[in-house]
Amino acid sequence: VQLQASGGGLVRAGGSLRLSCAASGSIFRINTMGWFRQAPGKQRDVVALITGGSSTTYADSVKGRFTISIDNAKNTVYLQMNSLKPEDTGVYYCHANLRRVTGSGDYWGQGTQVTVSS
């Protein structure tokens, strides 16, 4: 299984970006997919998660600004980020917990940089 993330970049405060992450390989079912963020010198923290049934969870800091969605047919998760703030800057990592024939497991994408200038 591979996770391919895309969509990061440089944006001014108040702007928007959309991240995508596609899972490929032998996947029986998506349990959860989501995004984590790691700012320089800080630990990796959850930003948003979504189940295959589209139940969502958000970090308090992004509620009302970010929207996570999933396309089960494409094994792809999206993160629409609006009203971006400088504190949203960091490397965004896609994560998935996937059910395969051999059982469930956790997978990470390569990370995509998001930089928000003030």
N, C-alpha and C. Protein backbone atom coordinates (compact mmCIF):
# COMPACT_ATOMS: atom_id res chain seq x y z
N VAL A 1 0.85 -1.18 0.00
CA VAL A 1 0.00 0.00 0.00
C VAL A 1 0.88 1.24 0.00
N GLN A 2 0.51 2.21 -0.82
CA GLN A 2 1.20 3.50 -0.84
C GLN A 2 0.19 4.62 -0.70
N LEU A 3 0.59 5.69 0.00
CA LEU A 3 -0.21 6.90 0.12
C LEU A 3 0.53 8.02 -0.59
N GLN A 4 -0.13 8.65 -1.55
CA GLN A 4 0.46 9.73 -2.33
C GLN A 4 -0.28 11.02 -2.02
N ALA A 5 0.42 11.93 -1.35
CA ALA A 5 -0.18 13.21 -0.97
C ALA A 5 0.23 14.31 -1.93
N SER A 6 -0.66 15.28 -2.09
CA SER A 6 -0.35 16.42 -2.95
C SER A 6 -1.17 17.62 -2.51
N GLY A 7 -0.78 18.80 -3.00
CA GLY A 7 -1.59 19.99 -2.78
C GLY A 7 -1.02 21.02 -1.84
N GLY A 8 0.13 20.77 -1.24
CA GLY A 8 0.71 21.76 -0.36
C GLY A 8 1.25 22.94 -1.13
N GLY A 9 1.72 23.96 -0.40
CA GLY A 9 2.29 25.12 -1.06
C GLY A 9 2.40 26.29 -0.12
N LEU A 10 2.65 27.45 -0.72
CA LEU A 10 2.78 28.70 0.02
C LEU A 10 1.55 29.56 -0.23
N VAL A 11 0.97 30.07 0.83
CA VAL A 11 -0.24 30.89 0.71
C VAL A 11 -0.21 31.97 1.77
N ARG A 12 -0.87 33.10 1.49
CA ARG A 12 -0.96 34.16 2.48
C ARG A 12 -2.05 33.85 3.49
N ALA A 13 -1.91 34.43 4.65
CA ALA A 13 -2.92 34.28 5.69
C ALA A 13 -4.29 34.68 5.13
N GLY A 14 -5.29 33.85 5.45
CA GLY A 14 -6.63 34.08 4.93
C GLY A 14 -6.92 33.32 3.66
N GLY A 15 -5.89 32.76 3.06
CA GLY A 15 -6.05 32.01 1.82
C GLY A 15 -6.50 30.58 2.04
N SER A 16 -6.54 29.84 0.94
CA SER A 16 -7.03 28.45 0.98
C SER A 16 -6.09 27.52 0.22
N LEU A 17 -6.07 26.29 0.67
CA LEU A 17 -5.38 25.21 -0.02
C LEU A 17 -6.21 23.94 0.10
N ARG A 18 -6.01 23.04 -0.85
CA ARG A 18 -6.69 21.75 -0.79
C ARG A 18 -5.65 20.65 -0.91
N LEU A 19 -5.62 19.78 0.08
CA LEU A 19 -4.72 18.64 0.06
C LEU A 19 -5.48 17.39 -0.38
N SER A 20 -4.77 16.53 -1.09
CA SER A 20 -5.33 15.25 -1.51
C SER A 20 -4.38 14.14 -1.12
N CYS A 21 -4.92 12.98 -0.85
CA CYS A 21 -4.10 11.82 -0.54
C CYS A 21 -4.79 10.58 -1.09
N ALA A 22 -4.13 9.91 -2.01
CA ALA A 22 -4.68 8.72 -2.63
C ALA A 22 -3.95 7.48 -2.15
N ALA A 23 -4.71 6.49 -1.74
CA ALA A 23 -4.13 5.20 -1.32
C ALA A 23 -4.21 4.23 -2.49
N SER A 24 -3.13 3.53 -2.72
CA SER A 24 -3.11 2.55 -3.81
C SER A 24 -2.58 1.23 -3.28
N GLY A 25 -2.96 0.16 -3.95
CA GLY A 25 -2.55 -1.17 -3.52
C GLY A 25 -3.77 -2.03 -3.26
N SER A 26 -3.53 -3.16 -2.62
CA SER A 26 -4.60 -4.10 -2.33
C SER A 26 -5.32 -3.70 -1.06
N ILE A 27 -6.44 -3.01 -1.21
CA ILE A 27 -7.19 -2.48 -0.08
C ILE A 27 -8.58 -3.09 -0.07
N PHE A 28 -8.96 -3.69 1.06
CA PHE A 28 -10.29 -4.26 1.17
C PHE A 28 -11.29 -3.20 1.62
N ARG A 29 -10.89 -2.39 2.61
CA ARG A 29 -11.78 -1.35 3.13
C ARG A 29 -10.96 -0.27 3.83
N ILE A 30 -11.44 0.96 3.73
CA ILE A 30 -10.84 2.05 4.49
C ILE A 30 -11.49 2.10 5.86
N ASN A 31 -10.69 1.97 6.91
CA ASN A 31 -11.22 2.14 8.27
C ASN A 31 -11.24 3.64 8.59
N THR A 32 -10.08 4.27 8.52
CA THR A 32 -9.97 5.73 8.68
C THR A 32 -8.88 6.27 7.78
N MET A 33 -9.03 7.51 7.38
CA MET A 33 -7.97 8.27 6.72
C MET A 33 -7.95 9.66 7.35
N GLY A 34 -6.82 10.31 7.26
CA GLY A 34 -6.76 11.63 7.85
C GLY A 34 -5.44 12.32 7.65
N TRP A 35 -5.31 13.45 8.31
CA TRP A 35 -4.15 14.31 8.18
C TRP A 35 -3.58 14.66 9.55
N PHE A 36 -2.26 14.62 9.62
CA PHE A 36 -1.52 15.06 10.80
C PHE A 36 -0.60 16.20 10.36
N ARG A 37 -0.24 17.02 11.31
CA ARG A 37 0.60 18.17 11.02
C ARG A 37 1.77 18.20 11.99
N GLN A 38 2.94 18.52 11.44
CA GLN A 38 4.13 18.66 12.28
C GLN A 38 4.80 19.99 11.97
N ALA A 39 4.75 20.89 12.94
CA ALA A 39 5.42 22.18 12.83
C ALA A 39 6.88 22.01 13.24
N PRO A 40 7.75 22.91 12.80
CA PRO A 40 9.18 22.80 13.16
C PRO A 40 9.38 22.74 14.67
N GLY A 41 10.12 21.73 15.12
CA GLY A 41 10.42 21.58 16.53
C GLY A 41 9.29 21.05 17.38
N LYS A 42 8.19 20.65 16.76
CA LYS A 42 7.04 20.17 17.52
C LYS A 42 6.69 18.74 17.12
N GLN A 43 5.85 18.13 17.91
CA GLN A 43 5.43 16.77 17.61
C GLN A 43 4.37 16.77 16.52
N ARG A 44 4.15 15.61 15.97
CA ARG A 44 3.12 15.45 14.95
C ARG A 44 1.76 15.31 15.63
N ASP A 45 0.83 16.16 15.26
CA ASP A 45 -0.50 16.17 15.88
C ASP A 45 -1.58 15.94 14.83
N VAL A 46 -2.69 15.39 15.28
CA VAL A 46 -3.80 15.16 14.37
C VAL A 46 -4.46 16.47 13.99
N VAL A 47 -4.85 16.58 12.73
CA VAL A 47 -5.58 17.74 12.23
C VAL A 47 -7.04 17.36 12.00
N ALA A 48 -7.25 16.29 11.25
CA ALA A 48 -8.61 15.85 10.93
C ALA A 48 -8.57 14.38 10.54
N LEU A 49 -9.64 13.66 10.92
CA LEU A 49 -9.78 12.25 10.59
C LEU A 49 -11.17 12.01 10.04
N ILE A 50 -11.28 11.00 9.19
CA ILE A 50 -12.58 10.61 8.65
C ILE A 50 -12.62 9.10 8.52
N THR A 51 -13.77 8.52 8.84
CA THR A 51 -13.94 7.08 8.68
C THR A 51 -14.45 6.79 7.26
N GLY A 52 -14.42 5.51 6.91
CA GLY A 52 -14.98 5.13 5.62
C GLY A 52 -16.46 5.46 5.52
N GLY A 53 -17.12 5.56 6.67
CA GLY A 53 -18.52 5.93 6.72
C GLY A 53 -18.74 7.43 6.82
N SER A 54 -17.65 8.20 6.69
CA SER A 54 -17.68 9.67 6.66
C SER A 54 -17.94 10.34 8.00
N SER A 55 -17.71 9.66 9.10
CA SER A 55 -17.70 10.34 10.40
C SER A 55 -16.38 11.09 10.53
N THR A 56 -16.46 12.32 11.03
CA THR A 56 -15.27 13.17 11.05
C THR A 56 -14.89 13.62 12.47
N THR A 57 -13.60 13.89 12.63
CA THR A 57 -13.06 14.46 13.85
C THR A 57 -12.06 15.53 13.46
N TYR A 58 -12.11 16.67 14.18
CA TYR A 58 -11.21 17.78 13.90
C TYR A 58 -10.49 18.23 15.16
N ALA A 59 -9.27 18.70 14.97
CA ALA A 59 -8.59 19.39 16.06
C ALA A 59 -9.34 20.69 16.33
N ASP A 60 -9.38 21.11 17.58
CA ASP A 60 -10.10 22.33 17.93
C ASP A 60 -9.60 23.53 17.14
N SER A 61 -8.32 23.56 16.86
CA SER A 61 -7.72 24.72 16.21
C SER A 61 -8.15 24.89 14.76
N VAL A 62 -8.74 23.86 14.15
CA VAL A 62 -9.12 23.96 12.74
C VAL A 62 -10.62 23.86 12.52
N LYS A 63 -11.38 23.64 13.57
CA LYS A 63 -12.83 23.52 13.44
C LYS A 63 -13.41 24.79 12.83
N GLY A 64 -14.30 24.61 11.85
CA GLY A 64 -14.92 25.74 11.19
C GLY A 64 -14.11 26.29 10.03
N ARG A 65 -12.86 25.87 9.91
CA ARG A 65 -12.00 26.36 8.81
C ARG A 65 -11.61 25.25 7.84
N PHE A 66 -11.38 24.05 8.36
CA PHE A 66 -10.96 22.92 7.54
C PHE A 66 -12.11 21.94 7.37
N THR A 67 -12.16 21.29 6.21
CA THR A 67 -13.16 20.27 5.95
C THR A 67 -12.48 19.05 5.33
N ILE A 68 -12.68 17.90 5.97
CA ILE A 68 -12.14 16.66 5.44
C ILE A 68 -13.26 15.89 4.76
N SER A 69 -12.93 15.25 3.64
CA SER A 69 -13.91 14.45 2.92
C SER A 69 -13.21 13.24 2.32
N ILE A 70 -13.99 12.27 1.91
CA ILE A 70 -13.42 11.02 1.41
C ILE A 70 -14.20 10.55 0.19
N ASP A 71 -13.46 9.99 -0.76
CA ASP A 71 -14.04 9.33 -1.92
C ASP A 71 -13.63 7.87 -1.83
N ASN A 72 -14.52 7.04 -1.33
CA ASN A 72 -14.18 5.62 -1.11
C ASN A 72 -13.88 4.90 -2.43
N ALA A 73 -14.56 5.29 -3.49
CA ALA A 73 -14.34 4.64 -4.78
C ALA A 73 -12.92 4.88 -5.29
N LYS A 74 -12.35 6.03 -4.93
CA LYS A 74 -10.99 6.37 -5.36
C LYS A 74 -9.96 6.18 -4.27
N ASN A 75 -10.40 5.71 -3.08
CA ASN A 75 -9.48 5.57 -1.94
C ASN A 75 -8.70 6.86 -1.70
N THR A 76 -9.40 7.97 -1.75
CA THR A 76 -8.77 9.28 -1.67
C THR A 76 -9.44 10.13 -0.60
N VAL A 77 -8.61 10.81 0.19
CA VAL A 77 -9.10 11.73 1.19
C VAL A 77 -8.64 13.14 0.82
N TYR A 78 -9.50 14.11 1.11
CA TYR A 78 -9.22 15.51 0.80
C TYR A 78 -9.28 16.34 2.08
N LEU A 79 -8.49 17.40 2.11
CA LEU A 79 -8.57 18.35 3.21
C LEU A 79 -8.66 19.75 2.60
N GLN A 80 -9.83 20.35 2.70
CA GLN A 80 -10.02 21.71 2.24
C GLN A 80 -9.69 22.63 3.41
N MET A 81 -8.71 23.50 3.21
CA MET A 81 -8.24 24.38 4.27
C MET A 81 -8.54 25.83 3.88
N ASN A 82 -9.43 26.46 4.63
CA ASN A 82 -9.80 27.84 4.38
C ASN A 82 -9.37 28.72 5.55
N SER A 83 -9.34 30.02 5.30
CA SER A 83 -8.97 30.99 6.35
C SER A 83 -7.67 30.57 7.03
N LEU A 84 -6.69 30.24 6.24
CA LEU A 84 -5.43 29.74 6.79
C LEU A 84 -4.72 30.80 7.63
N LYS A 85 -4.05 30.32 8.67
CA LYS A 85 -3.32 31.17 9.59
C LYS A 85 -1.84 30.76 9.58
N PRO A 86 -0.95 31.67 9.95
CA PRO A 86 0.47 31.30 10.02
C PRO A 86 0.73 30.08 10.90
N GLU A 87 -0.06 29.92 11.94
CA GLU A 87 0.15 28.76 12.82
C GLU A 87 -0.29 27.44 12.19
N ASP A 88 -0.88 27.47 11.02
CA ASP A 88 -1.20 26.25 10.29
C ASP A 88 0.02 25.73 9.51
N THR A 89 1.10 26.49 9.52
CA THR A 89 2.30 26.10 8.80
C THR A 89 2.89 24.81 9.37
N GLY A 90 3.32 23.94 8.47
CA GLY A 90 3.95 22.69 8.88
C GLY A 90 3.95 21.69 7.74
N VAL A 91 4.48 20.52 8.04
CA VAL A 91 4.41 19.42 7.08
C VAL A 91 3.17 18.61 7.41
N TYR A 92 2.34 18.42 6.41
CA TYR A 92 1.10 17.68 6.58
C TYR A 92 1.30 16.26 6.07
N TYR A 93 1.01 15.31 6.96
CA TYR A 93 1.17 13.90 6.63
C TYR A 93 -0.20 13.23 6.52
N CYS A 94 -0.36 12.49 5.45
CA CYS A 94 -1.56 11.69 5.29
C CYS A 94 -1.38 10.37 6.04
N HIS A 95 -2.43 9.94 6.70
CA HIS A 95 -2.42 8.67 7.43
C HIS A 95 -3.65 7.86 7.04
N ALA A 96 -3.49 6.56 7.02
CA ALA A 96 -4.62 5.68 6.75
C ALA A 96 -4.53 4.42 7.59
N ASN A 97 -5.65 4.00 8.10
CA ASN A 97 -5.78 2.67 8.70
C ASN A 97 -6.68 1.88 7.76
N LEU A 98 -6.08 0.88 7.14
CA LEU A 98 -6.75 0.17 6.05
C LEU A 98 -6.92 -1.30 6.39
N ARG A 99 -8.02 -1.83 5.96
CA ARG A 99 -8.27 -3.27 6.11
C ARG A 99 -7.85 -3.96 4.81
N ARG A 100 -6.94 -4.89 4.94
CA ARG A 100 -6.50 -5.69 3.80
C ARG A 100 -6.93 -7.13 4.06
N VAL A 101 -6.69 -8.01 3.10
CA VAL A 101 -7.05 -9.41 3.25
C VAL A 101 -6.33 -10.01 4.45
N THR A 102 -5.10 -9.56 4.70
CA THR A 102 -4.28 -10.12 5.77
C THR A 102 -4.52 -9.45 7.11
N GLY A 103 -5.40 -8.42 7.17
CA GLY A 103 -5.67 -7.71 8.41
C GLY A 103 -5.53 -6.21 8.23
N SER A 104 -5.70 -5.46 9.32
CA SER A 104 -5.65 -4.00 9.26
C SER A 104 -4.26 -3.49 9.62
N GLY A 105 -3.91 -2.33 9.08
CA GLY A 105 -2.61 -1.74 9.38
C GLY A 105 -2.61 -0.25 9.16
N ASP A 106 -1.59 0.41 9.68
CA ASP A 106 -1.42 1.86 9.58
C ASP A 106 -0.38 2.19 8.52
N TYR A 107 -0.69 3.23 7.74
CA TYR A 107 0.18 3.64 6.66
C TYR A 107 0.31 5.16 6.66
N TRP A 108 1.50 5.65 6.25
CA TRP A 108 1.77 7.09 6.19
C TRP A 108 2.21 7.50 4.80
N GLY A 109 1.78 8.71 4.40
CA GLY A 109 2.27 9.31 3.18
C GLY A 109 3.57 10.04 3.43
N GLN A 110 4.11 10.64 2.38
CA GLN A 110 5.44 11.24 2.44
C GLN A 110 5.46 12.64 3.04
N GLY A 111 4.33 13.25 3.23
CA GLY A 111 4.31 14.61 3.79
C GLY A 111 4.33 15.66 2.70
N THR A 112 3.56 16.71 2.92
CA THR A 112 3.54 17.83 1.99
C THR A 112 3.61 19.13 2.79
N GLN A 113 4.46 20.06 2.36
CA GLN A 113 4.70 21.29 3.11
C GLN A 113 3.59 22.31 2.85
N VAL A 114 3.08 22.87 3.93
CA VAL A 114 2.14 23.99 3.86
C VAL A 114 2.76 25.15 4.61
N THR A 115 2.91 26.27 3.93
CA THR A 115 3.48 27.46 4.55
C THR A 115 2.50 28.61 4.39
N VAL A 116 2.13 29.21 5.52
CA VAL A 116 1.19 30.33 5.52
C VAL A 116 1.93 31.57 5.99
N SER A 117 2.03 32.55 5.11
CA SER A 117 2.74 33.78 5.45
C SER A 117 1.77 34.80 6.04
N SER A 118 2.30 35.62 6.92
CA SER A 118 1.45 36.64 7.57
C SER A 118 1.37 37.91 6.75
